Amino acid sequence: MTADYWNHNTAFHQEVVRDAGRRGGRALDVGCGEGLLSARLAGVCREVIGIDSDERALARAQRRLERTPNARVLAHDIMDPDLPGRLGAFETVTCVAVLHHLPLEEGLAALGALVAPGGRLIVVGLAANKSLWDWMLSALAVLPLRVVGALHRETRDIGAVTRPPRESLAEIRAAASRILPEARIRRRFYYRYTLMWDRPTQGS
């Protein structure tokens, strides 16, 4: 695989990196896979830690980041209750195509716990089609996405573990309203949604 590639997840990298760059500081890339987003975050953040539970993906990420002194990868499960205490707090926590692998409410709570006061959680996620509206929007996107994929020479299979989403966007919105009040969720192109949540600064 080439150093850089394009697919429906990396399509959001520029947006995520630009947002993280406004804060700088420390970034945590949850489910970093083979490390492409972590490498890009390292260009705008003081320190980047990528975590993943897939040993093969981590080995590839380590090779990608071996010459990036402010980025490293660790073998961790986001649902490990000791994770926040070991790694501290982060100005940016990213989670791209990972949340649907986790129990939804517990996963949102674990991600939110890692964000520093004044920091931001950025989720790029997949939702299941359950309503007629969900199915209609997905059907309308098929042809445009095939064209876009061909133009970008889409790399669909990067060797990552995949899983179909379980919850609909409506269910994700409802869970986020309980776990991360004031989270902002938008349905996006590429069969994705984005969730952004800002931890209030201390005393606000």
C-alpha atoms as a PDB file:
ATOM      1  CA  MET A   1       0.000   0.000   0.000  1.00  0.00           C
ATOM      2  CA  THR A   2       1.198   3.505  -0.779  1.00  0.00           C
ATOM      3  CA  ALA A   3       1.886   5.945   2.039  1.00  0.00           C
ATOM      4  CA  ASP A   4      -1.310   7.880   1.318  1.00  0.00           C
ATOM      5  CA  TYR A   5      -4.605   6.586  -0.002  1.00  0.00           C
ATOM      6  CA  TRP A   6      -8.229   7.710  -0.264  1.00  0.00           C
ATOM      7  CA  ASN A   7     -11.451   6.121   0.910  1.00  0.00           C
ATOM      8  CA  HIS A   8     -14.675   7.136   2.650  1.00  0.00           C
ATOM      9  CA  ASN A   9     -12.842   7.533   5.964  1.00  0.00           C
ATOM     10  CA  THR A  10      -9.782   9.436   4.794  1.00  0.00           C
ATOM     11  CA  ALA A  11     -12.116  11.811   2.952  1.00  0.00           C
ATOM     12  CA  PHE A  12     -12.650  13.437   6.372  1.00  0.00           C
ATOM     13  CA  HIS A  13      -8.997  13.602   7.418  1.00  0.00           C
ATOM     14  CA  GLN A  14      -8.334  17.130   6.169  1.00  0.00           C
ATOM     15  CA  GLU A  15     -11.359  18.436   8.051  1.00  0.00           C
ATOM     16  CA  VAL A  16     -10.356  16.608  11.244  1.00  0.00           C
ATOM     17  CA  VAL A  17      -6.718  17.715  11.069  1.00  0.00           C
ATOM     18  CA  ARG A  18      -7.655  21.327  10.386  1.00  0.00           C
ATOM     19  CA  ASP A  19      -9.954  21.330  13.423  1.00  0.00           C
ATOM     20  CA  ALA A  20      -7.315  19.725  15.664  1.00  0.00           C
ATOM     21  CA  GLY A  21      -4.754  22.269  14.514  1.00  0.00           C
ATOM     22  CA  ARG A  22      -6.803  25.082  16.033  1.00  0.00           C
ATOM     23  CA  ARG A  23      -6.102  23.626  19.470  1.00  0.00           C
ATOM     24  CA  GLY A  24      -2.746  21.923  18.997  1.00  0.00           C
ATOM     25  CA  GLY A  25      -1.677  20.259  22.229  1.00  0.00           C
ATOM     26  CA  ARG A  26      -2.127  16.521  22.639  1.00  0.00           C
ATOM     27  CA  ALA A  27      -4.250  14.350  20.361  1.00  0.00           C
ATOM     28  CA  LEU A  28      -5.466  10.798  20.832  1.00  0.00           C
ATOM     29  CA  ASP A  29      -6.422   8.814  17.723  1.00  0.00           C
ATOM     30  CA  VAL A  30      -8.706   6.012  18.892  1.00  0.00           C
ATOM     31  CA  GLY A  31      -8.641   2.986  16.607  1.00  0.00           C
ATOM     32  CA  CYS A  32      -5.679   4.421  14.729  1.00  0.00           C
ATOM     33  CA  GLY A  33      -5.389   1.432  12.393  1.00  0.00           C
ATOM     34  CA  GLU A  34      -2.287   1.694  10.240  1.00  0.00           C
ATOM     35  CA  GLY A  35      -1.619   5.241  11.383  1.00  0.00           C
ATOM     36  CA  LEU A  36      -2.442   7.558   8.479  1.00  0.00           C
ATOM     37  CA  LEU A  37      -4.594   9.960  10.512  1.00  0.00           C
ATOM     38  CA  SER A  38      -2.124   9.872  13.410  1.00  0.00           C
ATOM     39  CA  ALA A  39       0.661  10.862  11.032  1.00  0.00           C
ATOM     40  CA  ARG A  40      -1.383  13.741   9.691  1.00  0.00           C
ATOM     41  CA  LEU A  41      -2.336  14.936  13.172  1.00  0.00           C
ATOM     42  CA  ALA A  42       1.337  14.977  14.118  1.00  0.00           C
ATOM     43  CA  GLY A  43       1.803  17.868  11.727  1.00  0.00           C
ATOM     44  CA  VAL A  44      -0.479  20.136  13.770  1.00  0.00           C
ATOM     45  CA  CYS A  45      -0.373  18.769  17.336  1.00  0.00           C
ATOM     46  CA  ARG A  46       2.413  18.779  19.910  1.00  0.00           C
ATOM     47  CA  GLU A  47       1.970  15.083  20.679  1.00  0.00           C
ATOM     48  CA  VAL A  48      -0.118  12.338  19.089  1.00  0.00           C
ATOM     49  CA  ILE A  49      -0.903   8.941  20.556  1.00  0.00           C
ATOM     50  CA  GLY A  50      -2.629   6.339  18.440  1.00  0.00           C
ATOM     51  CA  ILE A  51      -4.263   3.375  20.125  1.00  0.00           C
ATOM     52  CA  ASP A  52      -5.620   0.178  18.639  1.00  0.00           C
ATOM     53  CA  SER A  53      -6.256  -3.372  19.789  1.00  0.00           C
ATOM     54  CA  ASP A  54      -5.292  -4.956  16.435  1.00  0.00           C
ATOM     55  CA  GLU A  55      -1.641  -6.025  16.627  1.00  0.00           C
ATOM     56  CA  ARG A  56      -1.202  -6.215  12.860  1.00  0.00           C
ATOM     57  CA  ALA A  57      -2.558  -2.701  12.381  1.00  0.00           C
ATOM     58  CA  LEU A  58      -0.321  -1.397  15.160  1.00  0.00           C
ATOM     59  CA  ALA A  59       2.763  -2.910  13.541  1.00  0.00           C
ATOM     60  CA  ARG A  60       1.935  -1.059  10.329  1.00  0.00           C
ATOM     61  CA  ALA A  61       1.278   2.164  12.247  1.00  0.00           C
ATOM     62  CA  GLN A  62       4.635   1.867  14.007  1.00  0.00           C
ATOM     63  CA  ARG A  63       6.380   1.567  10.657  1.00  0.00           C
ATOM     64  CA  ARG A  64       4.507   4.587   9.315  1.00  0.00           C
ATOM     65  CA  LEU A  65       5.340   6.716  12.356  1.00  0.00           C
ATOM     66  CA  GLU A  66       8.895   5.546  13.041  1.00  0.00           C
ATOM     67  CA  ARG A  67      10.325   8.854  11.789  1.00  0.00           C
ATOM     68  CA  THR A  68       7.677  11.033  13.423  1.00  0.00           C
ATOM     69  CA  PRO A  69       9.141  11.945  16.827  1.00  0.00           C
ATOM     70  CA  ASN A  70       5.957  13.452  18.287  1.00  0.00           C
ATOM     71  CA  ALA A  71       3.722  10.469  17.465  1.00  0.00           C
ATOM     72  CA  ARG A  72       3.576   6.969  18.897  1.00  0.00           C
ATOM     73  CA  VAL A  73       1.144   4.068  18.981  1.00  0.00           C
ATOM     74  CA  LEU A  74       0.090   1.860  21.866  1.00  0.00           C
ATOM     75  CA  ALA A  75      -1.862  -1.368  22.171  1.00  0.00           C
ATOM     76  CA  HIS A  76      -4.973  -0.395  24.115  1.00  0.00           C
ATOM     77  CA  ASP A  77      -8.674  -1.093  24.137  1.00  0.00           C
ATOM     78  CA  ILE A  78     -10.742   2.080  24.494  1.00  0.00           C
ATOM     79  CA  MET A  79     -13.075   0.208  26.843  1.00  0.00           C
ATOM     80  CA  ASP A  80     -10.240  -0.432  29.304  1.00  0.00           C
ATOM     81  CA  PRO A  81     -11.422   1.481  32.399  1.00  0.00           C
ATOM     82  CA  ASP A  82      -7.836   2.437  33.322  1.00  0.00           C
ATOM     83  CA  LEU A  83      -7.123   4.116  29.997  1.00  0.00           C
ATOM     84  CA  PRO A  84      -7.896   7.748  30.999  1.00  0.00           C
ATOM     85  CA  GLY A  85      -5.706   7.504  34.085  1.00  0.00           C
ATOM     86  CA  ARG A  86      -2.752   6.154  32.152  1.00  0.00           C
ATOM     87  CA  LEU A  87      -2.871   8.485  29.200  1.00  0.00           C
ATOM     88  CA  GLY A  88      -4.165  11.715  30.693  1.00  0.00           C
ATOM     89  CA  ALA A  89      -6.399  14.227  28.922  1.00  0.00           C
ATOM     90  CA  PHE A  90      -6.307  15.377  25.312  1.00  0.00           C
ATOM     91  CA  GLU A  91      -7.170  18.565  23.489  1.00  0.00           C
ATOM     92  CA  THR A  92      -8.409  16.435  20.584  1.00  0.00           C
ATOM     93  CA  VAL A  93      -9.768  12.885  20.601  1.00  0.00           C
ATOM     94  CA  THR A  94     -10.502  11.396  17.185  1.00  0.00           C
ATOM     95  CA  CYS A  95     -12.513   8.270  16.462  1.00  0.00           C
ATOM     96  CA  VAL A  96     -12.913   7.441  12.768  1.00  0.00           C
ATOM     97  CA  ALA A  97     -15.033   4.430  11.778  1.00  0.00           C
ATOM     98  CA  VAL A  98     -14.594   2.875  15.221  1.00  0.00           C
ATOM     99  CA  LEU A  99     -17.612   3.758  17.373  1.00  0.00           C
ATOM    100  CA  HIS A 100     -19.847   1.155  15.713  1.00  0.00           C
ATOM    101  CA  HIS A 101     -17.391  -1.517  16.924  1.00  0.00           C
ATOM    102  CA  LEU A 102     -18.135  -0.521  20.545  1.00  0.00           C
ATOM    103  CA  PRO A 103     -21.166  -0.647  22.814  1.00  0.00           C
ATOM    104  CA  LEU A 104     -22.667   2.716  21.919  1.00  0.00           C
ATOM    105  CA  GLU A 105     -23.350   4.428  25.238  1.00  0.00           C
ATOM    106  CA  GLU A 106     -20.317   2.969  26.993  1.00  0.00           C
ATOM    107  CA  GLY A 107     -18.140   3.886  24.032  1.00  0.00           C
ATOM    108  CA  LEU A 108     -19.354   7.481  23.987  1.00  0.00           C
ATOM    109  CA  ALA A 109     -18.741   7.780  27.727  1.00  0.00           C
ATOM    110  CA  ALA A 110     -15.220   6.346  27.411  1.00  0.00           C
ATOM    111  CA  LEU A 111     -14.357   8.695  24.554  1.00  0.00           C
ATOM    112  CA  GLY A 112     -15.732  11.724  26.353  1.00  0.00           C
ATOM    113  CA  ALA A 113     -13.723  10.916  29.475  1.00  0.00           C
ATOM    114  CA  LEU A 114     -10.494  11.341  27.511  1.00  0.00           C
ATOM    115  CA  VAL A 115     -11.185  14.924  26.423  1.00  0.00           C
ATOM    116  CA  ALA A 116      -9.493  17.732  28.334  1.00  0.00           C
ATOM    117  CA  PRO A 117     -11.462  20.776  29.512  1.00  0.00           C
ATOM    118  CA  GLY A 118     -11.806  22.976  26.465  1.00  0.00           C
ATOM    119  CA  GLY A 119     -10.946  20.025  24.204  1.00  0.00           C
ATOM    120  CA  ARG A 120     -13.012  18.314  21.538  1.00  0.00           C
ATOM    121  CA  LEU A 121     -14.125  14.815  20.623  1.00  0.00           C
ATOM    122  CA  ILE A 122     -14.446  14.246  16.867  1.00  0.00           C
ATOM    123  CA  VAL A 123     -16.229  11.101  15.711  1.00  0.00           C
ATOM    124  CA  VAL A 124     -16.611  10.083  12.077  1.00  0.00           C
ATOM    125  CA  GLY A 125     -18.999   7.177  12.201  1.00  0.00           C
ATOM    126  CA  LEU A 126     -21.252   4.782  10.345  1.00  0.00           C
ATOM    127  CA  ALA A 127     -24.939   4.351  11.101  1.00  0.00           C
ATOM    128  CA  ALA A 128     -27.339   1.572  10.156  1.00  0.00           C
ATOM    129  CA  ASN A 129     -30.183   2.171   7.727  1.00  0.00           C
ATOM    130  CA  LYS A 130     -33.435   1.558   9.583  1.00  0.00           C
ATOM    131  CA  SER A 131     -35.955   4.189   8.494  1.00  0.00           C
ATOM    132  CA  LEU A 132     -37.309   4.723   4.990  1.00  0.00           C
ATOM    133  CA  TRP A 133     -35.461   8.064   4.926  1.00  0.00           C
ATOM    134  CA  ASP A 134     -32.169   6.305   5.773  1.00  0.00           C
ATOM    135  CA  TRP A 135     -32.614   3.870   2.916  1.00  0.00           C
ATOM    136  CA  MET A 136     -33.639   6.567   0.445  1.00  0.00           C
ATOM    137  CA  LEU A 137     -30.611   8.730   1.182  1.00  0.00           C
ATOM    138  CA  SER A 138     -28.252   5.771   0.892  1.00  0.00           C
ATOM    139  CA  ALA A 139     -29.780   4.726  -2.418  1.00  0.00           C
ATOM    140  CA  LEU A 140     -29.473   8.244  -3.837  1.00  0.00           C
ATOM    141  CA  ALA A 141     -25.780   8.325  -2.890  1.00  0.00           C
ATOM    142  CA  VAL A 142     -24.751   5.119  -4.671  1.00  0.00           C
ATOM    143  CA  LEU A 143     -24.053   6.527  -8.139  1.00  0.00           C
ATOM    144  CA  PRO A 144     -22.370   9.784  -7.024  1.00  0.00           C
ATOM    145  CA  LEU A 145     -20.131   7.866  -4.641  1.00  0.00           C
ATOM    146  CA  ARG A 146     -19.080   5.450  -7.366  1.00  0.00           C
ATOM    147  CA  VAL A 147     -18.059   8.388  -9.530  1.00  0.00           C
ATOM    148  CA  VAL A 148     -16.172  10.083  -6.684  1.00  0.00           C
ATOM    149  CA  GLY A 149     -14.486   6.802  -5.781  1.00  0.00           C
ATOM    150  CA  ALA A 150     -13.300   6.305  -9.345  1.00  0.00           C
ATOM    151  CA  LEU A 151     -11.938   9.861  -9.513  1.00  0.00           C
ATOM    152  CA  HIS A 152      -9.980   9.388  -6.286  1.00  0.00           C
ATOM    153  CA  ARG A 153      -8.916   5.824  -7.105  1.00  0.00           C
ATOM    154  CA  GLU A 154     -10.548   4.654  -3.916  1.00  0.00           C
ATOM    155  CA  THR A 155      -8.727   2.089  -1.787  1.00  0.00           C
ATOM    156  CA  ARG A 156     -11.536   0.190  -0.118  1.00  0.00           C
ATOM    157  CA  ASP A 157      -9.632  -2.599   1.588  1.00  0.00           C
ATOM    158  CA  ILE A 158      -6.728  -1.458   3.789  1.00  0.00           C
ATOM    159  CA  GLY A 159      -6.633  -4.670   5.812  1.00  0.00           C
ATOM    160  CA  ALA A 160      -8.670  -3.278   8.702  1.00  0.00           C
ATOM    161  CA  VAL A 161     -11.245  -5.246  10.670  1.00  0.00           C
ATOM    162  CA  THR A 162     -14.717  -4.200   9.524  1.00  0.00           C
ATOM    163  CA  ARG A 163     -18.162  -4.584  11.052  1.00  0.00           C
ATOM    164  CA  PRO A 164     -21.599  -3.384   9.921  1.00  0.00           C
ATOM    165  CA  PRO A 165     -23.140  -0.655  12.084  1.00  0.00           C
ATOM    166  CA  ARG A 166     -25.930  -1.617  14.474  1.00  0.00           C
ATOM    167  CA  GLU A 167     -27.545   1.655  15.489  1.00  0.00           C
ATOM    168  CA  SER A 168     -29.364   4.132  13.278  1.00  0.00           C
ATOM    169  CA  LEU A 169     -28.472   7.812  13.252  1.00  0.00           C
ATOM    170  CA  ALA A 170     -31.615   8.516  15.285  1.00  0.00           C
ATOM    171  CA  GLU A 171     -30.462   6.039  17.938  1.00  0.00           C
ATOM    172  CA  ILE A 172     -26.972   7.545  17.966  1.00  0.00           C
ATOM    173  CA  ARG A 173     -28.431  11.035  18.407  1.00  0.00           C
ATOM    174  CA  ALA A 174     -30.544   9.845  21.326  1.00  0.00           C
ATOM    175  CA  ALA A 175     -27.592   8.150  23.035  1.00  0.00           C
ATOM    176  CA  ALA A 176     -25.339  11.160  22.529  1.00  0.00           C
ATOM    177  CA  SER A 177     -27.949  13.481  24.041  1.00  0.00           C
ATOM    178  CA  ARG A 178     -27.835  11.372  27.206  1.00  0.00           C
ATOM    179  CA  ILE A 179     -24.097  10.752  27.408  1.00  0.00           C
ATOM    180  CA  LEU A 180     -22.589  13.857  25.796  1.00  0.00           C
ATOM    181  CA  PRO A 181     -25.057  16.737  26.148  1.00  0.00           C
ATOM    182  CA  GLU A 182     -24.765  19.383  23.416  1.00  0.00           C
ATOM    183  CA  ALA A 183     -22.962  17.031  21.047  1.00  0.00           C
ATOM    184  CA  ARG A 184     -23.457  18.126  17.436  1.00  0.00           C
ATOM    185  CA  ILE A 185     -24.293  15.367  14.960  1.00  0.00           C
ATOM    186  CA  ARG A 186     -24.602  15.771  11.209  1.00  0.00           C
ATOM    187  CA  ARG A 187     -25.413  13.269   8.486  1.00  0.00           C
ATOM    188  CA  ARG A 188     -22.600  13.476   5.944  1.00  0.00           C
ATOM    189  CA  PHE A 189     -21.656  12.217   2.497  1.00  0.00           C
ATOM    190  CA  TYR A 190     -19.831   8.884   2.059  1.00  0.00           C
ATOM    191  CA  TYR A 191     -22.430   7.063   4.232  1.00  0.00           C
ATOM    192  CA  ARG A 192     -20.954   8.742   7.290  1.00  0.00           C
ATOM    193  CA  TYR A 193     -21.984  11.073  10.076  1.00  0.00           C
ATOM    194  CA  THR A 194     -19.877  13.362  12.237  1.00  0.00           C
ATOM    195  CA  LEU A 195     -20.253  13.936  15.956  1.00  0.00           C
ATOM    196  CA  MET A 196     -18.443  16.760  17.708  1.00  0.00           C
ATOM    197  CA  TRP A 197     -18.529  17.353  21.436  1.00  0.00           C
ATOM    198  CA  ASP A 198     -16.667  20.006  23.404  1.00  0.00           C
ATOM    199  CA  ARG A 199     -15.857  19.467  27.062  1.00  0.00           C
ATOM    200  CA  PRO A 200     -16.640  22.677  28.943  1.00  0.00           C
ATOM    201  CA  THR A 201     -13.704  24.553  30.357  1.00  0.00           C
ATOM    202  CA  GLN A 202     -13.292  24.352  34.101  1.00  0.00           C
ATOM    203  CA  GLY A 203     -15.592  26.725  35.926  1.00  0.00           C
ATOM    204  CA  SER A 204     -17.875  27.340  32.928  1.00  0.00           C
END
